[in-house]
Protein backbone atom coordinates (compact mmCIF):
# COMPACT_ATOMS: atom_id res chain seq x y z
CA UNK A 1 -14.99 -2.05 -15.60
CA UNK A 2 -16.23 -5.36 -14.26
CA UNK A 3 -15.99 -8.16 -16.83
CA UNK A 4 -16.83 -11.83 -16.84
CA UNK A 5 -13.21 -12.67 -15.90
CA UNK A 6 -13.03 -9.86 -13.33
CA UNK A 7 -16.11 -10.17 -11.11
CA UNK A 8 -16.88 -8.01 -8.11
CA UNK A 9 -14.24 -8.58 -5.45
CA UNK A 10 -13.92 -7.75 -1.78
CA UNK A 11 -10.74 -5.70 -1.46
CA UNK A 12 -9.04 -4.88 1.85
CA UNK A 13 -6.85 -1.75 1.73
CA UNK A 14 -4.60 -0.71 4.61
CA UNK A 15 -3.54 2.92 4.92
CA UNK A 16 -6.63 3.93 2.96
CA UNK A 17 -7.05 7.41 4.43
CA UNK A 18 -4.73 9.26 2.03
CA UNK A 19 -2.28 9.01 -0.84
CA UNK A 20 -1.99 5.73 -2.72
CA UNK A 21 -4.49 3.96 -0.45
CA UNK A 22 -7.19 6.59 -0.97
CA UNK A 23 -6.56 6.74 -4.72
CA UNK A 24 -6.73 2.95 -4.89
CA UNK A 25 -10.07 2.94 -3.07
CA UNK A 26 -11.54 5.45 -5.53
CA UNK A 27 -10.15 3.62 -8.56
CA UNK A 28 -11.55 0.26 -7.42
CA UNK A 29 -14.88 1.84 -6.47
CA UNK A 30 -15.32 2.97 -10.08
CA UNK A 31 -15.08 -0.72 -11.01
CA UNK A 32 -17.78 -1.77 -8.58
CA UNK A 33 -15.65 -3.65 -6.06
CA UNK A 34 -16.56 -3.93 -2.36
CA UNK A 35 -14.03 -2.22 -0.13
CA UNK A 36 -12.76 -2.75 3.39
CA UNK A 37 -10.97 0.47 4.30
CA UNK A 38 -8.44 0.53 7.11
CA UNK A 39 -6.54 3.46 8.65
CA UNK A 40 -5.88 5.12 11.98
CA UNK A 41 -7.71 8.38 11.18
CA UNK A 42 -11.43 7.79 11.57
CA UNK A 43 -12.48 11.17 10.21
CA UNK A 44 -10.55 10.58 6.97
CA UNK A 45 -12.06 7.13 6.48
CA UNK A 46 -15.55 8.41 7.30
CA UNK A 47 -15.14 11.13 4.66
CA UNK A 48 -13.82 8.70 2.04
CA UNK A 49 -16.50 6.10 2.72
CA UNK A 50 -19.21 8.75 2.43
CA UNK A 51 -17.80 9.95 -0.87
CA UNK A 52 -17.55 6.44 -2.32
CA UNK A 53 -21.10 5.57 -1.30
CA UNK A 54 -22.50 8.80 -2.74
CA UNK A 55 -20.57 8.82 -6.02
CA UNK A 56 -20.34 5.11 -6.84
CA UNK A 57 -22.83 3.37 -4.50
CA UNK A 58 -19.84 1.41 -3.19
CA UNK A 59 -20.34 -1.15 -0.43
CA UNK A 60 -17.83 -0.10 2.23
CA UNK A 61 -16.70 -1.60 5.54
CA UNK A 62 -14.58 0.65 7.79
CA UNK A 63 -11.94 -0.78 10.12
CA UNK A 64 -10.19 1.82 12.26
CA UNK A 65 -6.97 0.51 13.76
CA UNK A 66 -3.21 0.95 13.63
CA UNK A 67 -1.52 -1.96 11.83
CA UNK A 68 1.19 -1.83 14.54
CA UNK A 69 -1.39 -2.96 17.11
CA UNK A 70 -1.26 -6.76 16.82
CA UNK A 71 -4.26 -7.39 19.08
CA UNK A 72 -6.42 -4.85 17.21
CA UNK A 73 -5.44 -6.28 13.83
CA UNK A 74 -6.56 -9.81 14.67
CA UNK A 75 -9.62 -8.75 16.67
CA UNK A 76 -10.96 -6.47 13.93
CA UNK A 77 -10.28 -8.80 11.02
CA UNK A 78 -11.53 -11.91 12.81
CA UNK A 79 -14.58 -9.94 13.90
CA UNK A 80 -15.69 -9.02 10.38
CA UNK A 81 -19.33 -9.85 9.60
CA UNK A 82 -19.77 -13.14 7.75
CA UNK A 83 -20.59 -11.46 4.45
CA UNK A 84 -17.27 -9.54 4.60
CA UNK A 85 -14.96 -12.37 5.67
CA UNK A 86 -14.19 -13.68 2.17
CA UNK A 87 -11.47 -11.20 1.24
CA UNK A 88 -10.40 -11.60 -2.39
CA UNK A 89 -7.62 -9.01 -2.50
CA UNK A 90 -5.39 -7.56 0.21
CA UNK A 91 -3.53 -4.33 -0.60
CA UNK A 92 -0.78 -3.94 2.01
CA UNK A 93 -0.35 -0.21 1.56
CA UNK A 94 0.13 1.16 5.10
CA UNK A 95 3.67 2.44 5.52
CA UNK A 96 5.77 5.53 6.07
CA UNK A 97 9.21 7.10 6.11
CA UNK A 98 10.27 9.17 9.11
CA UNK A 99 13.30 11.43 9.07
CA UNK A 100 16.20 11.71 6.66
CA UNK A 101 19.45 11.41 8.59
CA UNK A 102 22.68 9.46 8.86
CA UNK A 103 22.33 6.33 10.96
CA UNK A 104 24.33 7.68 13.89
CA UNK A 105 22.25 10.87 14.02
CA UNK A 106 18.75 9.43 13.52
CA UNK A 107 15.98 9.27 16.10
CA UNK A 108 15.56 5.66 17.27
CA UNK A 109 11.84 6.29 17.74
CA UNK A 110 11.61 6.89 13.98
CA UNK A 111 13.29 3.54 13.32
CA UNK A 112 10.87 1.74 15.59
CA UNK A 113 7.78 3.27 14.01
CA UNK A 114 8.97 2.45 10.48
CA UNK A 115 9.88 -1.12 11.39
CA UNK A 116 6.65 -1.67 13.32
CA UNK A 117 4.48 -0.24 10.51
CA UNK A 118 6.25 -1.21 7.30
CA UNK A 119 7.29 -4.72 8.31
CA UNK A 120 5.44 -5.96 11.37
CA UNK A 121 2.13 -4.30 10.44
CA UNK A 122 2.23 -5.85 6.98
CA UNK A 123 2.96 -9.25 8.55
CA UNK A 124 0.13 -8.99 11.11
CA UNK A 125 -2.51 -8.09 8.52
CA UNK A 126 -1.26 -10.74 6.09
CA UNK A 127 -1.28 -13.46 8.76
CA UNK A 128 -4.85 -12.56 9.70
CA UNK A 129 -6.12 -12.71 6.11
CA UNK A 130 -4.07 -15.40 4.34
CA UNK A 131 -5.65 -18.45 6.09
CA UNK A 132 -9.06 -17.60 4.60
CA UNK A 133 -7.55 -17.31 1.13
CA UNK A 134 -5.82 -20.68 1.56
CA UNK A 135 -9.08 -22.27 2.67
CA UNK A 136 -10.85 -20.93 -0.43
CA UNK A 137 -7.87 -21.70 -2.70
CA UNK A 138 -8.15 -18.22 -4.14
CA UNK A 139 -6.91 -14.72 -3.45
CA UNK A 140 -4.43 -11.99 -4.22
CA UNK A 141 -1.98 -10.02 -2.09
CA UNK A 142 -0.55 -6.75 -3.40
CA UNK A 143 2.34 -5.47 -1.31
CA UNK A 144 3.36 -1.84 -1.77
CA UNK A 145 7.13 -1.58 -1.83
CA UNK A 146 9.22 1.32 -3.12
CA UNK A 147 12.22 2.16 -5.25
CA UNK A 148 13.80 1.94 -1.77
CA UNK A 149 13.10 -1.80 -1.90
CA UNK A 150 15.54 -2.05 -4.81
CA UNK A 151 18.33 0.37 -3.92
CA UNK A 152 19.51 2.40 -0.97
CA UNK A 153 19.94 6.16 -0.94
CA UNK A 154 21.81 8.49 1.40
CA UNK A 155 20.15 9.04 4.78
CA UNK A 156 17.37 6.57 3.91
CA UNK A 157 19.07 3.70 5.79
CA UNK A 158 16.31 2.18 7.97
CA UNK A 159 13.43 3.12 5.65
CA UNK A 160 15.27 1.43 2.77
CA UNK A 161 15.89 -1.58 5.00
CA UNK A 162 12.17 -1.90 5.78
CA UNK A 163 11.27 -1.81 2.10
CA UNK A 164 13.99 -4.33 1.25
CA UNK A 165 12.30 -6.50 3.87
CA UNK A 166 8.95 -6.06 2.12
CA UNK A 167 10.60 -7.20 -1.12
CA UNK A 168 11.96 -10.30 0.64
CA UNK A 169 8.63 -11.05 2.34
CA UNK A 170 6.87 -10.69 -1.01
CA UNK A 171 9.20 -13.25 -2.60
CA UNK A 172 8.60 -15.65 0.30
CA UNK A 173 4.82 -15.22 0.02
CA UNK A 174 4.97 -15.86 -3.70
CA UNK A 175 6.73 -19.20 -3.13
CA UNK A 176 4.73 -20.30 -0.10
CA UNK A 177 1.32 -19.45 -1.56
CA UNK A 178 2.02 -20.93 -4.98
CA UNK A 179 0.30 -24.28 -4.17
CA UNK A 180 -2.80 -22.42 -2.95
CA UNK A 181 -3.60 -20.51 -6.17
CA UNK A 182 -2.96 -17.14 -4.49
CA UNK A 183 -1.42 -14.36 -6.56
CA UNK A 184 1.24 -12.17 -4.92
CA UNK A 185 2.40 -8.87 -6.40
CA UNK A 186 4.95 -6.23 -5.41
CA UNK A 187 4.27 -2.69 -6.62
CA UNK A 188 7.24 -0.35 -6.19
CA UNK A 189 6.64 3.38 -6.70
CA UNK A 190 9.37 5.90 -7.33
CA UNK A 191 8.91 9.57 -6.40
CA UNK A 192 5.18 9.94 -5.71
CA UNK A 193 3.63 13.20 -4.56
CA UNK A 194 1.38 12.17 -1.68
CA UNK A 195 1.72 12.83 2.06
CA UNK A 196 4.91 10.73 2.00
CA UNK A 197 7.40 13.60 2.22
CA UNK A 198 5.20 15.66 4.53
CA UNK A 199 5.24 12.73 6.96
CA UNK A 200 8.96 12.12 6.47
CA UNK A 201 9.72 15.76 7.32
CA UNK A 202 7.22 15.74 10.19
CA UNK A 203 4.88 18.41 8.87
CA UNK A 204 7.49 20.70 7.27
CA UNK A 205 5.57 21.60 4.12
CA UNK A 206 8.40 23.63 2.58
CA UNK A 207 10.83 20.72 2.83
CA UNK A 208 8.19 18.32 1.50
CA UNK A 209 7.29 20.56 -1.46
CA UNK A 210 10.97 20.97 -2.40
CA UNK A 211 11.23 17.22 -3.02
CA UNK A 212 8.91 17.48 -6.02
CA UNK A 213 10.00 20.82 -7.50
CA UNK A 214 11.40 20.93 -11.03
CA UNK A 215 9.88 17.70 -12.36
CA UNK A 216 6.55 15.90 -12.65
CA UNK A 217 6.32 13.19 -9.97
CA UNK A 218 3.96 10.26 -9.90
CA UNK A 219 0.60 10.64 -8.19
CA UNK A 220 -1.40 8.30 -6.01
CA UNK A 221 -3.72 7.84 -8.97
CA UNK A 222 -0.85 6.61 -11.15
CA UNK A 223 -0.03 3.89 -8.65
CA UNK A 224 -3.72 3.06 -8.17
CA UNK A 225 -3.94 2.40 -11.92
CA UNK A 226 -1.06 -0.08 -11.64
CA UNK A 227 -2.69 -1.82 -8.68
CA UNK A 228 -5.96 -2.01 -10.60
CA UNK A 229 -4.10 -3.49 -13.57
CA UNK A 230 -2.72 -6.29 -11.36
CA UNK A 231 -6.22 -7.06 -10.08
CA UNK A 232 -7.89 -6.95 -13.50
CA UNK A 233 -5.52 -9.41 -15.17
CA UNK A 234 -6.83 -12.93 -15.85
CA UNK A 235 -6.28 -15.20 -12.87
CA UNK A 236 -3.56 -17.21 -14.62
CA UNK A 237 -1.45 -14.04 -14.98
CA UNK A 238 0.64 -12.67 -12.10
CA UNK A 239 2.85 -9.57 -11.96
CA UNK A 240 5.54 -10.68 -9.52
CA UNK A 241 7.31 -7.34 -9.31
CA UNK A 242 6.52 -3.92 -10.78
CA UNK A 243 8.75 -0.80 -10.60
CA UNK A 244 7.05 2.48 -11.55
CA UNK A 245 9.08 5.65 -11.95
CA UNK A 246 8.40 9.19 -13.16
CA UNK A 247 9.92 9.77 -16.58
CA UNK A 248 12.27 12.25 -14.90
CA UNK A 249 13.64 9.65 -12.44
CA UNK A 250 16.18 6.96 -13.37
CA UNK A 251 17.28 5.85 -9.91
CA UNK A 252 16.27 6.59 -6.33
CA UNK A 253 18.66 9.50 -6.10
CA UNK A 254 18.79 10.47 -9.80
CA UNK A 255 16.01 12.86 -10.79
CA UNK A 256 16.33 15.34 -13.63
CA UNK A 257 14.99 18.67 -12.39
CA UNK A 258 14.48 21.71 -14.57
CA UNK A 259 14.96 25.19 -13.18
CA UNK A 260 11.72 27.15 -13.45
């Protein structure tokens, strides 16, 4: 709910077509915020934007590009209409895991896509948006990390490395943007049942479903609530780092599963 201390904001969400990004868009739409939705899949963004406009009368701007495409990132963001340029909140959500293999057996193409999306894509979008926040002396950046940003797990090597990098970048942003009154948050989900595992296993639904059998995982909506909480806090309050786990998960590779 919009309050006097939490006015309507313009929120830019990358990877908004599914999972945490989509849930975040819906959650923030219920609060009346204006949304800039970015993803590669136009049909998914068109569907989401239509739903948000119909259900919540949300003001939506759609930006269809891949965060790996440096030229597209800067062209699209710099080309925003004047009334959409003042971005209050950036949610760096776009990211993925590809494959689950020992380093010497992994597909190098998977490494490159994870590095280009999870690290370089986050940097491109941030670099395009941060100068405007600095100029206005106001803003908030919410970077989506992972339990993999805090600890490695078997066969997660390069994905874990990319999320450790996000953790490091988040810490650097927090220090560098401190004089500019810009809040920086890191939100780290544990096991979350979205398209994450389906993408990791390259469309193998059986393998993806097995990841979440025997326990209740987090949902995109759970993480969206945490992101909303960070945004709704008074401006003098900042959540530097948040780790959210299912009750059944203690560590990245320690999940208590019941036999059904």
